[in-house]
Amino acid sequence: MKFRINPLASDIIISIYVLITLYLRFKFENDTPISTVNSMVIGVCFIVIIWVLIKLKVLNPNWFGLFNSKKTKS
């Protein structure tokens, strides 16, 4: 049995995760002298975590319905 989160909840979780990680990165960068490369590595690590959860089908983003393709019958 796989653990799957529905699309709307996945979208909300991803949005909150992105906002929190951006806040933490900016706060960490202001508090400590950090180089640009280190900042990019931290950002990539945060992105890889979300990417892995999507690839494992734990998160199923629907992108808030922005990319729904409507198929019309001809």
C-alpha atoms as a PDB file:
ATOM      1  CA  MET A   1       0.000   0.000   0.000  1.00  0.00           C
ATOM      2  CA  LYS A   2       1.484   3.285  -1.105  1.00  0.00           C
ATOM      3  CA  PHE A   3       0.932   6.508   0.756  1.00  0.00           C
ATOM      4  CA  ARG A   4      -0.569   9.041  -1.666  1.00  0.00           C
ATOM      5  CA  ILE A   5      -1.786  12.542  -1.055  1.00  0.00           C
ATOM      6  CA  ASN A   6      -4.607  13.933  -3.194  1.00  0.00           C
ATOM      7  CA  PRO A   7      -3.759  16.642  -5.770  1.00  0.00           C
ATOM      8  CA  LEU A   8      -5.188  19.657  -3.928  1.00  0.00           C
ATOM      9  CA  ALA A   9      -3.455  18.753  -0.669  1.00  0.00           C
ATOM     10  CA  SER A  10      -0.230  18.136  -2.609  1.00  0.00           C
ATOM     11  CA  ASP A  11      -0.447  21.592  -4.166  1.00  0.00           C
ATOM     12  CA  ILE A  12      -0.982  23.196  -0.767  1.00  0.00           C
ATOM     13  CA  ILE A  13       1.867  21.226   0.834  1.00  0.00           C
ATOM     14  CA  ILE A  14       4.272  22.120  -1.990  1.00  0.00           C
ATOM     15  CA  SER A  15       3.314  25.814  -1.804  1.00  0.00           C
ATOM     16  CA  ILE A  16       3.818  25.953   1.957  1.00  0.00           C
ATOM     17  CA  TYR A  17       7.098  24.021   1.646  1.00  0.00           C
ATOM     18  CA  VAL A  18       8.442  26.445  -0.970  1.00  0.00           C
ATOM     19  CA  LEU A  19       7.503  29.494   1.098  1.00  0.00           C
ATOM     20  CA  ILE A  20       9.041  28.077   4.289  1.00  0.00           C
ATOM     21  CA  THR A  21      12.260  26.990   2.579  1.00  0.00           C
ATOM     22  CA  LEU A  22      12.642  30.371   0.873  1.00  0.00           C
ATOM     23  CA  TYR A  23      12.132  32.116   4.223  1.00  0.00           C
ATOM     24  CA  LEU A  24      14.677  29.836   5.911  1.00  0.00           C
ATOM     25  CA  ARG A  25      17.233  30.358   3.128  1.00  0.00           C
ATOM     26  CA  PHE A  26      16.915  34.150   3.237  1.00  0.00           C
ATOM     27  CA  LYS A  27      17.082  34.169   7.050  1.00  0.00           C
ATOM     28  CA  PHE A  28      20.109  31.859   7.064  1.00  0.00           C
ATOM     29  CA  GLU A  29      21.879  33.913   4.400  1.00  0.00           C
ATOM     30  CA  ASN A  30      21.319  37.151   6.329  1.00  0.00           C
ATOM     31  CA  ASP A  31      22.461  35.681   9.651  1.00  0.00           C
ATOM     32  CA  THR A  32      25.658  34.065   8.373  1.00  0.00           C
ATOM     33  CA  PRO A  33      28.191  35.020   5.736  1.00  0.00           C
ATOM     34  CA  ILE A  34      27.492  32.387   3.088  1.00  0.00           C
ATOM     35  CA  SER A  35      28.762  32.186  -0.456  1.00  0.00           C
ATOM     36  CA  THR A  36      26.557  32.077  -3.524  1.00  0.00           C
ATOM     37  CA  VAL A  37      27.563  28.488  -4.300  1.00  0.00           C
ATOM     38  CA  ASN A  38      26.562  27.315  -0.818  1.00  0.00           C
ATOM     39  CA  SER A  39      23.228  29.074  -1.168  1.00  0.00           C
ATOM     40  CA  MET A  40      22.587  27.369  -4.505  1.00  0.00           C
ATOM     41  CA  VAL A  41      23.486  23.961  -3.033  1.00  0.00           C
ATOM     42  CA  ILE A  42      21.002  24.485  -0.201  1.00  0.00           C
ATOM     43  CA  GLY A  43      18.313  25.473  -2.719  1.00  0.00           C
ATOM     44  CA  VAL A  44      19.003  22.432  -4.905  1.00  0.00           C
ATOM     45  CA  CYS A  45      18.785  20.158  -1.861  1.00  0.00           C
ATOM     46  CA  PHE A  46      15.357  21.578  -0.996  1.00  0.00           C
ATOM     47  CA  ILE A  47      14.186  21.087  -4.593  1.00  0.00           C
ATOM     48  CA  VAL A  48      15.495  17.503  -4.712  1.00  0.00           C
ATOM     49  CA  ILE A  49      13.407  16.604  -1.653  1.00  0.00           C
ATOM     50  CA  ILE A  50      10.196  17.716  -3.397  1.00  0.00           C
ATOM     51  CA  TRP A  51      11.254  16.094  -6.690  1.00  0.00           C
ATOM     52  CA  VAL A  52      11.819  12.734  -4.980  1.00  0.00           C
ATOM     53  CA  LEU A  53       8.412  12.878  -3.265  1.00  0.00           C
ATOM     54  CA  ILE A  54       6.741  13.598  -6.615  1.00  0.00           C
ATOM     55  CA  LYS A  55       8.658  10.813  -8.387  1.00  0.00           C
ATOM     56  CA  LEU A  56       7.693   8.339  -5.644  1.00  0.00           C
ATOM     57  CA  LYS A  57       4.055   9.413  -6.200  1.00  0.00           C
ATOM     58  CA  VAL A  58       3.659  10.501  -2.583  1.00  0.00           C
ATOM     59  CA  LEU A  59       2.821  14.004  -3.784  1.00  0.00           C
ATOM     60  CA  ASN A  60       0.550  14.298  -6.805  1.00  0.00           C
ATOM     61  CA  PRO A  61       0.570  17.947  -7.836  1.00  0.00           C
ATOM     62  CA  ASN A  62      -2.191  19.240 -10.058  1.00  0.00           C
ATOM     63  CA  TRP A  63      -0.631  22.724 -10.195  1.00  0.00           C
ATOM     64  CA  PHE A  64      -3.957  24.141  -8.965  1.00  0.00           C
ATOM     65  CA  GLY A  65      -5.601  23.059 -12.231  1.00  0.00           C
ATOM     66  CA  LEU A  66      -3.511  25.369 -14.404  1.00  0.00           C
ATOM     67  CA  PHE A  67      -2.333  22.705 -16.818  1.00  0.00           C
ATOM     68  CA  ASN A  68      -5.465  20.630 -17.257  1.00  0.00           C
ATOM     69  CA  SER A  69      -5.711  19.626 -20.861  1.00  0.00           C
ATOM     70  CA  LYS A  70      -9.284  19.478 -22.048  1.00  0.00           C
ATOM     71  CA  LYS A  71      -9.754  16.907 -24.756  1.00  0.00           C
ATOM     72  CA  THR A  72     -12.525  17.729 -27.187  1.00  0.00           C
ATOM     73  CA  LYS A  73     -14.203  15.081 -29.251  1.00  0.00           C
ATOM     74  CA  SER A  74     -14.308  15.879 -32.933  1.00  0.00           C
END
